[in-house]
Amino acid sequence: AVRLECVWCAVDAGRLVHPDGARNQIEGGVQQAASW
């Protein structure tokens, strides 16, 4: 059985208009990709 324990993520997105929105996009992408 395979289990994802932790993900570290470094992102350089340039100028951010909505920092929390960017965090949500990255965190959501990690979770969705893990599910896929």
Full PDB file with SEQRES, HELIX, SHEET, SSBOND, CRYST1, ORIGX, SCALE, CONECT and MASTER records, all heavy atoms in Angstrom:
SEQRES   1 A   36  ALA VAL ARG LEU GLU CYS VAL TRP CYS ALA VAL ASP ALA          
SEQRES   2 A   36  GLY ARG LEU VAL HIS PRO ASP GLY ALA ARG ASN GLN ILE          
SEQRES   3 A   36  GLU GLY GLY VAL GLN GLN ALA ALA SER TRP                      
HELIX    1 AA1 PRO A   19  SER A   35  1                                  17    
CRYST1    1.000    1.000    1.000  90.00  90.00  90.00 P 1           1          
ORIGX1      1.000000  0.000000  0.000000        0.00000                         
ORIGX2      0.000000  1.000000  0.000000        0.00000                         
ORIGX3      0.000000  0.000000  1.000000        0.00000                         
SCALE1      1.000000  0.000000  0.000000        0.00000                         
SCALE2      0.000000  1.000000  0.000000        0.00000                         
SCALE3      0.000000  0.000000  1.000000        0.00000                         
ATOM      1  N   ALA A   1       0.835  -1.199   0.000  1.00  0.00           N  
ATOM      2  CA  ALA A   1       0.000   0.000   0.000  1.00  0.00           C  
ATOM      3  C   ALA A   1       0.870   1.249   0.000  1.00  0.00           C  
ATOM      4  O   ALA A   1       1.804   1.366   0.792  1.00  0.00           O  
ATOM      5  CB  ALA A   1      -0.922   0.001   1.215  1.00  0.00           C  
ATOM      6  N   VAL A   2       0.560   2.184  -0.888  1.00  0.00           N  
ATOM      7  CA  VAL A   2       1.332   3.417  -1.035  1.00  0.00           C  
ATOM      8  C   VAL A   2       0.598   4.549  -0.329  1.00  0.00           C  
ATOM      9  O   VAL A   2      -0.617   4.707  -0.467  1.00  0.00           O  
ATOM     10  CB  VAL A   2       1.524   3.764  -2.523  1.00  0.00           C  
ATOM     11  CG1 VAL A   2       2.257   5.094  -2.667  1.00  0.00           C  
ATOM     12  CG2 VAL A   2       2.280   2.649  -3.229  1.00  0.00           C  
ATOM     13  N   ARG A   3       1.335   5.345   0.431  1.00  0.00           N  
ATOM     14  CA  ARG A   3       0.740   6.463   1.148  1.00  0.00           C  
ATOM     15  C   ARG A   3       1.590   7.717   0.918  1.00  0.00           C  
ATOM     16  O   ARG A   3       2.816   7.683   1.054  1.00  0.00           O  
ATOM     17  CB  ARG A   3       0.662   6.159   2.644  1.00  0.00           C  
ATOM     18  CG  ARG A   3       0.144   7.315   3.502  1.00  0.00           C  
ATOM     19  CD  ARG A   3       0.127   6.942   4.974  1.00  0.00           C  
ATOM     20  NE  ARG A   3      -0.188   8.087   5.819  1.00  0.00           N  
ATOM     21  CZ  ARG A   3      -1.415   8.500   6.103  1.00  0.00           C  
ATOM     22  NH1 ARG A   3      -2.456   7.851   5.603  1.00  0.00           N  
ATOM     23  NH2 ARG A   3      -1.613   9.557   6.864  1.00  0.00           N  
ATOM     24  N   LEU A   4       0.937   8.818   0.576  1.00  0.00           N  
ATOM     25  CA  LEU A   4       1.619  10.102   0.461  1.00  0.00           C  
ATOM     26  C   LEU A   4       1.699  10.716   1.846  1.00  0.00           C  
ATOM     27  O   LEU A   4       0.684  11.022   2.464  1.00  0.00           O  
ATOM     28  CB  LEU A   4       0.842  11.021  -0.493  1.00  0.00           C  
ATOM     29  CG  LEU A   4       1.431  12.415  -0.706  1.00  0.00           C  
ATOM     30  CD1 LEU A   4       2.797  12.344  -1.344  1.00  0.00           C  
ATOM     31  CD2 LEU A   4       0.490  13.265  -1.558  1.00  0.00           C  
ATOM     32  N   GLU A   5       2.913  10.932   2.341  1.00  0.00           N  
ATOM     33  CA  GLU A   5       3.112  11.407   3.704  1.00  0.00           C  
ATOM     34  C   GLU A   5       3.202  12.931   3.787  1.00  0.00           C  
ATOM     35  O   GLU A   5       2.647  13.549   4.697  1.00  0.00           O  
ATOM     36  CB  GLU A   5       4.392  10.795   4.285  1.00  0.00           C  
ATOM     37  CG  GLU A   5       4.398   9.273   4.345  1.00  0.00           C  
ATOM     38  CD  GLU A   5       3.489   8.732   5.437  1.00  0.00           C  
ATOM     39  OE1 GLU A   5       3.022   9.521   6.274  1.00  0.00           O  
ATOM     40  OE2 GLU A   5       3.253   7.499   5.450  1.00  0.00           O  
ATOM     41  N   CYS A   6       3.908  13.528   2.854  1.00  0.00           N  
ATOM     42  CA  CYS A   6       4.142  14.973   2.951  1.00  0.00           C  
ATOM     43  C   CYS A   6       4.579  15.494   1.588  1.00  0.00           C  
ATOM     44  O   CYS A   6       5.203  14.761   0.804  1.00  0.00           O  
ATOM     45  CB  CYS A   6       5.226  15.264   3.997  1.00  0.00           C  
ATOM     46  SG  CYS A   6       5.468  17.019   4.348  1.00  0.00           S  
ATOM     47  N   VAL A   7       4.271  16.757   1.305  1.00  0.00           N  
ATOM     48  CA  VAL A   7       4.733  17.413   0.082  1.00  0.00           C  
ATOM     49  C   VAL A   7       5.299  18.778   0.452  1.00  0.00           C  
ATOM     50  O   VAL A   7       4.663  19.543   1.180  1.00  0.00           O  
ATOM     51  CB  VAL A   7       3.597  17.580  -0.946  1.00  0.00           C  
ATOM     52  CG1 VAL A   7       4.095  18.370  -2.160  1.00  0.00           C  
ATOM     53  CG2 VAL A   7       3.054  16.230  -1.389  1.00  0.00           C  
ATOM     54  N   TRP A   8       6.504  19.071  -0.030  1.00  0.00           N  
ATOM     55  CA  TRP A   8       7.098  20.399   0.100  1.00  0.00           C  
ATOM     56  C   TRP A   8       7.055  21.057  -1.282  1.00  0.00           C  
ATOM     57  O   TRP A   8       7.325  20.388  -2.289  1.00  0.00           O  
ATOM     58  CB  TRP A   8       8.544  20.303   0.568  1.00  0.00           C  
ATOM     59  CG  TRP A   8       8.708  19.747   1.946  1.00  0.00           C  
ATOM     60  CD1 TRP A   8       8.779  20.446   3.120  1.00  0.00           C  
ATOM     61  CD2 TRP A   8       8.848  18.365   2.308  1.00  0.00           C  
ATOM     62  NE1 TRP A   8       8.937  19.590   4.182  1.00  0.00           N  
ATOM     63  CE2 TRP A   8       8.982  18.304   3.717  1.00  0.00           C  
ATOM     64  CE3 TRP A   8       8.866  17.167   1.572  1.00  0.00           C  
ATOM     65  CZ2 TRP A   8       9.146  17.106   4.395  1.00  0.00           C  
ATOM     66  CZ3 TRP A   8       9.013  15.975   2.249  1.00  0.00           C  
ATOM     67  CH2 TRP A   8       9.156  15.939   3.648  1.00  0.00           C  
ATOM     68  N   CYS A   9       6.747  22.322  -1.297  1.00  0.00           N  
ATOM     69  CA  CYS A   9       6.511  22.983  -2.574  1.00  0.00           C  
ATOM     70  C   CYS A   9       7.168  24.360  -2.571  1.00  0.00           C  
ATOM     71  O   CYS A   9       6.907  25.166  -1.674  1.00  0.00           O  
ATOM     72  CB  CYS A   9       5.010  23.109  -2.790  1.00  0.00           C  
ATOM     73  SG  CYS A   9       4.557  23.557  -4.438  1.00  0.00           S  
ATOM     74  N   ALA A  10       8.015  24.624  -3.549  1.00  0.00           N  
ATOM     75  CA  ALA A  10       8.627  25.945  -3.729  1.00  0.00           C  
ATOM     76  C   ALA A  10       8.101  26.536  -5.031  1.00  0.00           C  
ATOM     77  O   ALA A  10       8.176  25.885  -6.079  1.00  0.00           O  
ATOM     78  CB  ALA A  10      10.148  25.835  -3.774  1.00  0.00           C  
ATOM     79  N   VAL A  11       7.552  27.752  -4.958  1.00  0.00           N  
ATOM     80  CA  VAL A  11       6.883  28.353  -6.114  1.00  0.00           C  
ATOM     81  C   VAL A  11       7.389  29.777  -6.317  1.00  0.00           C  
ATOM     82  O   VAL A  11       7.462  30.558  -5.365  1.00  0.00           O  
ATOM     83  CB  VAL A  11       5.351  28.389  -5.914  1.00  0.00           C  
ATOM     84  CG1 VAL A  11       4.663  28.946  -7.157  1.00  0.00           C  
ATOM     85  CG2 VAL A  11       4.821  27.012  -5.582  1.00  0.00           C  
ATOM     86  N   ASP A  12       7.716  30.105  -7.546  1.00  0.00           N  
ATOM     87  CA  ASP A  12       8.023  31.479  -7.944  1.00  0.00           C  
ATOM     88  C   ASP A  12       7.012  31.848  -9.022  1.00  0.00           C  
ATOM     89  O   ASP A  12       7.166  31.479 -10.184  1.00  0.00           O  
ATOM     90  CB  ASP A  12       9.454  31.579  -8.468  1.00  0.00           C  
ATOM     91  CG  ASP A  12       9.774  32.956  -9.045  1.00  0.00           C  
ATOM     92  OD1 ASP A  12       8.909  33.855  -8.972  1.00  0.00           O  
ATOM     93  OD2 ASP A  12      10.884  33.122  -9.588  1.00  0.00           O  
ATOM     94  N   ALA A  13       5.948  32.555  -8.611  1.00  0.00           N  
ATOM     95  CA  ALA A  13       4.868  32.915  -9.537  1.00  0.00           C  
ATOM     96  C   ALA A  13       4.953  34.360  -9.986  1.00  0.00           C  
ATOM     97  O   ALA A  13       4.039  34.860 -10.623  1.00  0.00           O  
ATOM     98  CB  ALA A  13       3.515  32.656  -8.877  1.00  0.00           C  
ATOM     99  N   GLY A  14       6.036  35.050  -9.638  1.00  0.00           N  
ATOM    100  CA  GLY A  14       6.115  36.456  -9.989  1.00  0.00           C  
ATOM    101  C   GLY A  14       5.246  37.288  -9.068  1.00  0.00           C  
ATOM    102  O   GLY A  14       5.049  36.958  -7.897  1.00  0.00           O  
ATOM    103  N   ARG A  15       4.700  38.367  -9.600  1.00  0.00           N  
ATOM    104  CA  ARG A  15       3.884  39.259  -8.782  1.00  0.00           C  
ATOM    105  C   ARG A  15       2.531  38.616  -8.480  1.00  0.00           C  
ATOM    106  O   ARG A  15       1.832  38.176  -9.386  1.00  0.00           O  
ATOM    107  CB  ARG A  15       3.665  40.580  -9.517  1.00  0.00           C  
ATOM    108  CG  ARG A  15       2.897  41.592  -8.681  1.00  0.00           C  
ATOM    109  CD  ARG A  15       2.710  42.886  -9.461  1.00  0.00           C  
ATOM    110  NE  ARG A  15       2.130  43.906  -8.596  1.00  0.00           N  
ATOM    111  CZ  ARG A  15       1.208  44.755  -8.988  1.00  0.00           C  
ATOM    112  NH1 ARG A  15       0.746  44.701 -10.212  1.00  0.00           N  
ATOM    113  NH2 ARG A  15       0.749  45.667  -8.166  1.00  0.00           N  
ATOM    114  N   LEU A  16       2.158  38.581  -7.220  1.00  0.00           N  
ATOM    115  CA  LEU A  16       0.901  37.970  -6.809  1.00  0.00           C  
ATOM    116  C   LEU A  16      -0.146  39.043  -6.566  1.00  0.00           C  
ATOM    117  O   LEU A  16       0.076  40.000  -5.831  1.00  0.00           O  
ATOM    118  CB  LEU A  16       1.090  37.154  -5.529  1.00  0.00           C  
ATOM    119  CG  LEU A  16       1.986  35.919  -5.643  1.00  0.00           C  
ATOM    120  CD1 LEU A  16       2.092  35.239  -4.286  1.00  0.00           C  
ATOM    121  CD2 LEU A  16       1.462  34.952  -6.680  1.00  0.00           C  
ATOM    122  N   VAL A  17      -1.310  38.864  -7.164  1.00  0.00           N  
ATOM    123  CA  VAL A  17      -2.442  39.762  -6.926  1.00  0.00           C  
ATOM    124  C   VAL A  17      -3.171  39.355  -5.653  1.00  0.00           C  
ATOM    125  O   VAL A  17      -3.621  40.188  -4.877  1.00  0.00           O  
ATOM    126  CB  VAL A  17      -3.392  39.726  -8.139  1.00  0.00           C  
ATOM    127  CG1 VAL A  17      -4.728  40.384  -7.809  1.00  0.00           C  
ATOM    128  CG2 VAL A  17      -2.744  40.428  -9.326  1.00  0.00           C  
ATOM    129  N   HIS A  18      -3.291  38.047  -5.447  1.00  0.00           N  
ATOM    130  CA  HIS A  18      -4.054  37.524  -4.314  1.00  0.00           C  
ATOM    131  C   HIS A  18      -3.257  36.368  -3.707  1.00  0.00           C  
ATOM    132  O   HIS A  18      -3.429  35.209  -4.096  1.00  0.00           O  
ATOM    133  CB  HIS A  18      -5.430  37.048  -4.796  1.00  0.00           C  
ATOM    134  CG  HIS A  18      -6.324  36.562  -3.702  1.00  0.00           C  
ATOM    135  ND1 HIS A  18      -7.336  35.665  -3.935  1.00  0.00           N  
ATOM    136  CD2 HIS A  18      -6.367  36.844  -2.376  1.00  0.00           C  
ATOM    137  CE1 HIS A  18      -7.965  35.412  -2.796  1.00  0.00           C  
ATOM    138  NE2 HIS A  18      -7.393  36.115  -1.849  1.00  0.00           N  
ATOM    139  N   PRO A  19      -2.350  36.645  -2.778  1.00  0.00           N  
ATOM    140  CA  PRO A  19      -1.474  35.598  -2.245  1.00  0.00           C  
ATOM    141  C   PRO A  19      -2.211  34.378  -1.708  1.00  0.00           C  
ATOM    142  O   PRO A  19      -1.794  33.242  -1.937  1.00  0.00           O  
ATOM    143  CB  PRO A  19      -0.696  36.328  -1.141  1.00  0.00           C  
ATOM    144  CG  PRO A  19      -0.693  37.767  -1.570  1.00  0.00           C  
ATOM    145  CD  PRO A  19      -2.026  37.980  -2.224  1.00  0.00           C  
ATOM    146  N   ASP A  20      -3.313  34.608  -1.004  1.00  0.00           N  
ATOM    147  CA  ASP A  20      -4.045  33.463  -0.463  1.00  0.00           C  
ATOM    148  C   ASP A  20      -4.657  32.629  -1.581  1.00  0.00           C  
ATOM    149  O   ASP A  20      -4.711  31.404  -1.498  1.00  0.00           O  
ATOM    150  CB  ASP A  20      -5.137  33.942   0.501  1.00  0.00           C  
ATOM    151  CG  ASP A  20      -5.786  32.789   1.248  1.00  0.00           C  
ATOM    152  OD1 ASP A  20      -5.048  31.975   1.837  1.00  0.00           O  
ATOM    153  OD2 ASP A  20      -7.027  32.686   1.233  1.00  0.00           O  
ATOM    154  N   GLY A  21      -5.115  33.305  -2.643  1.00  0.00           N  
ATOM    155  CA  GLY A  21      -5.640  32.569  -3.791  1.00  0.00           C  
ATOM    156  C   GLY A  21      -4.571  31.715  -4.439  1.00  0.00           C  
ATOM    157  O   GLY A  21      -4.823  30.578  -4.857  1.00  0.00           O  
ATOM    158  N   ALA A  22      -3.338  32.246  -4.514  1.00  0.00           N  
ATOM    159  CA  ALA A  22      -2.238  31.469  -5.079  1.00  0.00           C  
ATOM    160  C   ALA A  22      -1.934  30.246  -4.208  1.00  0.00           C  
ATOM    161  O   ALA A  22      -1.714  29.145  -4.719  1.00  0.00           O  
ATOM    162  CB  ALA A  22      -0.996  32.345  -5.221  1.00  0.00           C  
ATOM    163  N   ARG A  23      -1.923  30.439  -2.884  1.00  0.00           N  
ATOM    164  CA  ARG A  23      -1.704  29.293  -1.983  1.00  0.00           C  
ATOM    165  C   ARG A  23      -2.787  28.232  -2.188  1.00  0.00           C  
ATOM    166  O   ARG A  23      -2.507  27.033  -2.227  1.00  0.00           O  
ATOM    167  CB  ARG A  23      -1.722  29.758  -0.531  1.00  0.00           C  
ATOM    168  CG  ARG A  23      -0.521  30.584  -0.114  1.00  0.00           C  
ATOM    169  CD  ARG A  23      -0.523  30.828   1.391  1.00  0.00           C  
ATOM    170  NE  ARG A  23       0.414  31.858   1.769  1.00  0.00           N  
ATOM    171  CZ  ARG A  23       0.095  33.134   1.950  1.00  0.00           C  
ATOM    172  NH1 ARG A  23      -1.154  33.527   1.797  1.00  0.00           N  
ATOM    173  NH2 ARG A  23       1.019  34.019   2.279  1.00  0.00           N  
ATOM    174  N   ASN A  24      -4.025  28.701  -2.294  1.00  0.00           N  
ATOM    175  CA  ASN A  24      -5.116  27.738  -2.493  1.00  0.00           C  
ATOM    176  C   ASN A  24      -4.946  26.956  -3.789  1.00  0.00           C  
ATOM    177  O   ASN A  24      -5.219  25.748  -3.849  1.00  0.00           O  
ATOM    178  CB  ASN A  24      -6.459  28.470  -2.511  1.00  0.00           C  
ATOM    179  CG  ASN A  24      -6.852  28.996  -1.154  1.00  0.00           C  
ATOM    180  OD1 ASN A  24      -6.387  28.506  -0.134  1.00  0.00           O  
ATOM    181  ND2 ASN A  24      -7.694  30.011  -1.121  1.00  0.00           N  
ATOM    182  N   GLN A  25      -4.518  27.642  -4.850  1.00  0.00           N  
ATOM    183  CA  GLN A  25      -4.308  26.956  -6.126  1.00  0.00           C  
ATOM    184  C   GLN A  25      -3.224  25.887  -6.000  1.00  0.00           C  
ATOM    185  O   GLN A  25      -3.392  24.762  -6.499  1.00  0.00           O  
ATOM    186  CB  GLN A  25      -3.896  27.979  -7.188  1.00  0.00           C  
ATOM    187  CG  GLN A  25      -5.034  28.832  -7.707  1.00  0.00           C  
ATOM    188  CD  GLN A  25      -5.939  28.060  -8.647  1.00  0.00           C  
ATOM    189  OE1 GLN A  25      -5.479  27.415  -9.585  1.00  0.00           O  
ATOM    190  NE2 GLN A  25      -7.231  28.102  -8.392  1.00  0.00           N  
ATOM    191  N   ILE A  26      -2.121  26.230  -5.335  1.00  0.00           N  
ATOM    192  CA  ILE A  26      -1.015  25.272  -5.205  1.00  0.00           C  
ATOM    193  C   ILE A  26      -1.417  24.102  -4.310  1.00  0.00           C  
ATOM    194  O   ILE A  26      -1.215  22.926  -4.650  1.00  0.00           O  
ATOM    195  CB  ILE A  26       0.232  25.975  -4.648  1.00  0.00           C  
ATOM    196  CG1 ILE A  26       0.705  27.073  -5.614  1.00  0.00           C  
ATOM    197  CG2 ILE A  26       1.349  24.965  -4.406  1.00  0.00           C  
ATOM    198  CD1 ILE A  26       1.037  26.597  -6.997  1.00  0.00           C  
ATOM    199  N   GLU A  27      -1.998  24.407  -3.161  1.00  0.00           N  
ATOM    200  CA  GLU A  27      -2.395  23.334  -2.240  1.00  0.00           C  
ATOM    201  C   GLU A  27      -3.469  22.449  -2.864  1.00  0.00           C  
ATOM    202  O   GLU A  27      -3.435  21.214  -2.737  1.00  0.00           O  
ATOM    203  CB  GLU A  27      -2.886  23.943  -0.930  1.00  0.00           C  
ATOM    204  CG  GLU A  27      -1.769  24.626  -0.135  1.00  0.00           C  
ATOM    205  CD  GLU A  27      -2.289  25.459   1.027  1.00  0.00           C  
ATOM    206  OE1 GLU A  27      -3.526  25.476   1.240  1.00  0.00           O  
ATOM    207  OE2 GLU A  27      -1.474  26.096   1.723  1.00  0.00           O  
ATOM    208  N   GLY A  28      -4.429  23.071  -3.547  1.00  0.00           N  
ATOM    209  CA  GLY A  28      -5.463  22.283  -4.215  1.00  0.00           C  
ATOM    210  C   GLY A  28      -4.888  21.429  -5.329  1.00  0.00           C  
ATOM    211  O   GLY A  28      -5.308  20.283  -5.530  1.00  0.00           O  
ATOM    212  N   GLY A  29      -3.911  21.976  -6.051  1.00  0.00           N  
ATOM    213  CA  GLY A  29      -3.277  21.193  -7.106  1.00  0.00           C  
ATOM    214  C   GLY A  29      -2.538  19.986  -6.559  1.00  0.00           C  
ATOM    215  O   GLY A  29      -2.586  18.898  -7.141  1.00  0.00           O  
ATOM    216  N   VAL A  30      -1.867  20.155  -5.437  1.00  0.00           N  
ATOM    217  CA  VAL A  30      -1.157  19.032  -4.810  1.00  0.00           C  
ATOM    218  C   VAL A  30      -2.150  17.932  -4.427  1.00  0.00           C  
ATOM    219  O   VAL A  30      -1.938  16.744  -4.716  1.00  0.00           O  
ATOM    220  CB  VAL A  30      -0.376  19.510  -3.572  1.00  0.00           C  
ATOM    221  CG1 VAL A  30       0.105  18.319  -2.742  1.00  0.00           C  
ATOM    222  CG2 VAL A  30       0.805  20.375  -3.994  1.00  0.00           C  
ATOM    223  N   GLN A  31      -3.237  18.335  -3.787  1.00  0.00           N  
ATOM    224  CA  GLN A  31      -4.224  17.334  -3.352  1.00  0.00           C  
ATOM    225  C   GLN A  31      -4.885  16.650  -4.543  1.00  0.00           C  
ATOM    226  O   GLN A  31      -5.091  15.431  -4.547  1.00  0.00           O  
ATOM    227  CB  GLN A  31      -5.271  18.010  -2.475  1.00  0.00           C  
ATOM    228  CG  GLN A  31      -4.716  18.535  -1.163  1.00  0.00           C  
ATOM    229  CD  GLN A  31      -5.769  19.224  -0.330  1.00  0.00           C  
ATOM    230  OE1 GLN A  31      -6.743  18.616   0.071  1.00  0.00           O  
ATOM    231  NE2 GLN A  31      -5.570  20.514  -0.068  1.00  0.00           N  
ATOM    232  N   GLN A  32      -5.238  17.446  -5.562  1.00  0.00           N  
ATOM    233  CA  GLN A  32      -5.918  16.853  -6.715  1.00  0.00           C  
ATOM    234  C   GLN A  32      -4.990  15.908  -7.472  1.00  0.00           C  
ATOM    235  O   GLN A  32      -5.395  14.815  -7.885  1.00  0.00           O  
ATOM    236  CB  GLN A  32      -6.441  17.955  -7.636  1.00  0.00           C  
ATOM    237  CG  GLN A  32      -7.400  17.434  -8.695  1.00  0.00           C  
ATOM    238  CD  GLN A  32      -8.114  18.548  -9.435  1.00  0.00           C  
ATOM    239  OE1 GLN A  32      -7.635  19.669  -9.530  1.00  0.00           O  
ATOM    240  NE2 GLN A  32      -9.285  18.245  -9.971  1.00  0.00           N  
ATOM    241  N   ALA A  33      -3.731  16.317  -7.648  1.00  0.00           N  
ATOM    242  CA  ALA A  33      -2.791  15.447  -8.353  1.00  0.00           C  
ATOM    243  C   ALA A  33      -2.532  14.158  -7.576  1.00  0.00           C  
ATOM    244  O   ALA A  33      -2.375  13.086  -8.169  1.00  0.00           O  
ATOM    245  CB  ALA A  33      -1.483  16.197  -8.597  1.00  0.00           C  
ATOM    246  N   ALA A  34      -2.491  14.255  -6.248  1.00  0.00           N  
ATOM    247  CA  ALA A  34      -2.317  13.042  -5.442  1.00  0.00           C  
ATOM    248  C   ALA A  34      -3.495  12.101  -5.635  1.00  0.00           C  
ATOM    249  O   ALA A  34      -3.329  10.873  -5.737  1.00  0.00           O  
ATOM    250  CB  ALA A  34      -2.172  13.421  -3.969  1.00  0.00           C  
ATOM    251  N   SER A  35      -4.686  12.673  -5.712  1.00  0.00           N  
ATOM    252  CA  SER A  35      -5.879  11.851  -5.935  1.00  0.00           C  
ATOM    253  C   SER A  35      -5.846  11.204  -7.317  1.00  0.00           C  
ATOM    254  O   SER A  35      -6.144  10.015  -7.469  1.00  0.00           O  
ATOM    255  CB  SER A  35      -7.135  12.719  -5.785  1.00  0.00           C  
ATOM    256  OG  SER A  35      -8.302  11.963  -5.989  1.00  0.00           O  
ATOM    257  N   TRP A  36      -5.492  11.992  -8.360  1.00  0.00           N  
ATOM    258  CA  TRP A  36      -5.373  11.406  -9.701  1.00  0.00           C  
ATOM    259  C   TRP A  36      -4.414  10.221  -9.691  1.00  0.00           C  
ATOM    260  O   TRP A  36      -4.687   9.174 -10.279  1.00  0.00           O  
ATOM    261  CB  TRP A  36      -4.801  12.429 -10.681  1.00  0.00           C  
ATOM    262  CG  TRP A  36      -5.645  13.626 -10.963  1.00  0.00           C  
ATOM    263  CD1 TRP A  36      -6.976  13.786 -10.711  1.00  0.00           C  
ATOM    264  CD2 TRP A  36      -5.198  14.856 -11.561  1.00  0.00           C  
ATOM    265  NE1 TRP A  36      -7.380  15.037 -11.107  1.00  0.00           N  
ATOM    266  CE2 TRP A  36      -6.321  15.707 -11.633  1.00  0.00           C  
ATOM    267  CE3 TRP A  36      -3.968  15.309 -12.027  1.00  0.00           C  
ATOM    268  CZ2 TRP A  36      -6.231  17.001 -12.173  1.00  0.00           C  
ATOM    269  CZ3 TRP A  36      -3.887  16.577 -12.564  1.00  0.00           C  
ATOM    270  CH2 TRP A  36      -5.001  17.414 -12.638  1.00  0.00           C  
TER     271      TRP A  36                                                      
MASTER        0    0    0    1    0    0    0    6  270    1    0    3          
END                                                                             
